[in-house]
Each structure stands twice: as structure tokens, then as C-alpha cells.
Amino acid sequence: MLEHFFSCPHCWETISMLLDPSVSTSYIEDCEVCCNPIQISTQFEANELVSFQAESIEQ
């Protein structure tokens, strides 16, 4: 697992998530600070994170 730090697109606080390098995927996870949903998209190549996006989801 890889810990990745980024800014929440809702509250702009720095948060971290554990990412699994064996899976390049897209999923929804709530911010640990403001609890709003975030669309997370990752892409890994040779167990290296090559792309990461965190986008807000309108409720």
C-alpha cells in the first residue's frame, strides 16, 4: 500500500489515503475532514503511481 497526500477538493485540507498499487481504478471515498464524497482515480505502472485525480462530487 502507498500513502498519498493531497488536498480535498471540497475543504482544501491536506488528507491522505492508502492506495493499492496492484489496482488502477476509480472509486468514491469520503474526505476524513469534511465527510464530502471525492471521486478518486488512480493509475499505476510497475507499482509506481503515474496518475492521481481527486474530484468533488456534487451532492
Protein backbone atom coordinates (compact mmCIF):
# COMPACT_ATOMS: atom_id res chain seq x y z
CA MET A 1 0.00 0.00 0.00
CA LEU A 2 1.12 3.52 -0.80
CA GLU A 3 0.15 6.54 1.31
CA HIS A 4 -0.70 9.52 -0.90
CA PHE A 5 -1.27 13.08 0.39
CA PHE A 6 -3.49 15.57 -1.47
CA SER A 7 -5.90 18.47 -0.93
CA CYS A 8 -9.59 17.74 -0.58
CA PRO A 9 -11.47 19.39 -3.48
CA HIS A 10 -14.23 20.42 -1.04
CA CYS A 11 -12.50 21.81 2.07
CA TRP A 12 -8.89 22.11 0.73
CA GLU A 13 -7.45 20.41 3.81
CA THR A 14 -4.48 18.10 3.23
CA ILE A 15 -5.57 14.50 3.68
CA SER A 16 -4.04 11.13 2.89
CA MET A 17 -5.33 7.86 1.51
CA LEU A 18 -3.78 4.42 1.21
CA LEU A 19 -3.62 3.37 -2.43
CA ASP A 20 -3.19 -0.19 -3.67
CA PRO A 21 -0.58 -0.25 -6.49
CA SER A 22 -1.90 -3.59 -7.74
CA VAL A 23 -5.14 -1.90 -8.86
CA SER A 24 -5.56 1.10 -11.17
CA THR A 25 -9.13 2.15 -10.60
CA SER A 26 -11.72 4.81 -9.92
CA TYR A 27 -13.81 4.90 -6.76
CA ILE A 28 -15.57 7.22 -4.33
CA GLU A 29 -14.32 7.86 -0.81
CA ASP A 30 -15.37 10.44 1.79
CA CYS A 31 -12.99 13.15 3.00
CA GLU A 32 -11.80 12.38 6.53
CA VAL A 33 -12.13 16.08 7.47
CA CYS A 34 -15.37 17.37 5.89
CA CYS A 35 -17.01 13.99 5.03
CA ASN A 36 -17.90 15.06 1.47
CA PRO A 37 -17.53 12.45 -1.29
CA ILE A 38 -14.44 12.54 -3.51
CA GLN A 39 -14.07 10.73 -6.85
CA ILE A 40 -10.59 9.17 -6.73
CA SER A 41 -8.91 7.98 -9.95
CA THR A 42 -5.52 6.27 -9.91
CA GLN A 43 -3.21 4.72 -12.46
CA PHE A 44 -0.14 2.68 -11.62
CA GLU A 45 2.64 1.35 -13.84
CA ALA A 46 5.20 -1.10 -12.41
CA ASN A 47 3.86 -0.36 -8.90
CA GLU A 48 4.57 3.38 -9.41
CA LEU A 49 1.76 5.95 -9.17
CA VAL A 50 1.69 7.71 -12.56
CA SER A 51 -1.70 9.44 -12.33
CA PHE A 52 -3.88 10.61 -9.44
CA GLN A 53 -7.04 12.72 -9.57
CA ALA A 54 -9.35 13.77 -6.75
CA GLU A 55 -12.51 15.49 -7.90
CA SER A 56 -15.50 16.80 -5.97
CA ILE A 57 -18.88 15.16 -6.38
CA GLU A 58 -21.87 17.45 -6.15
CA GLN A 59 -24.49 16.28 -3.69
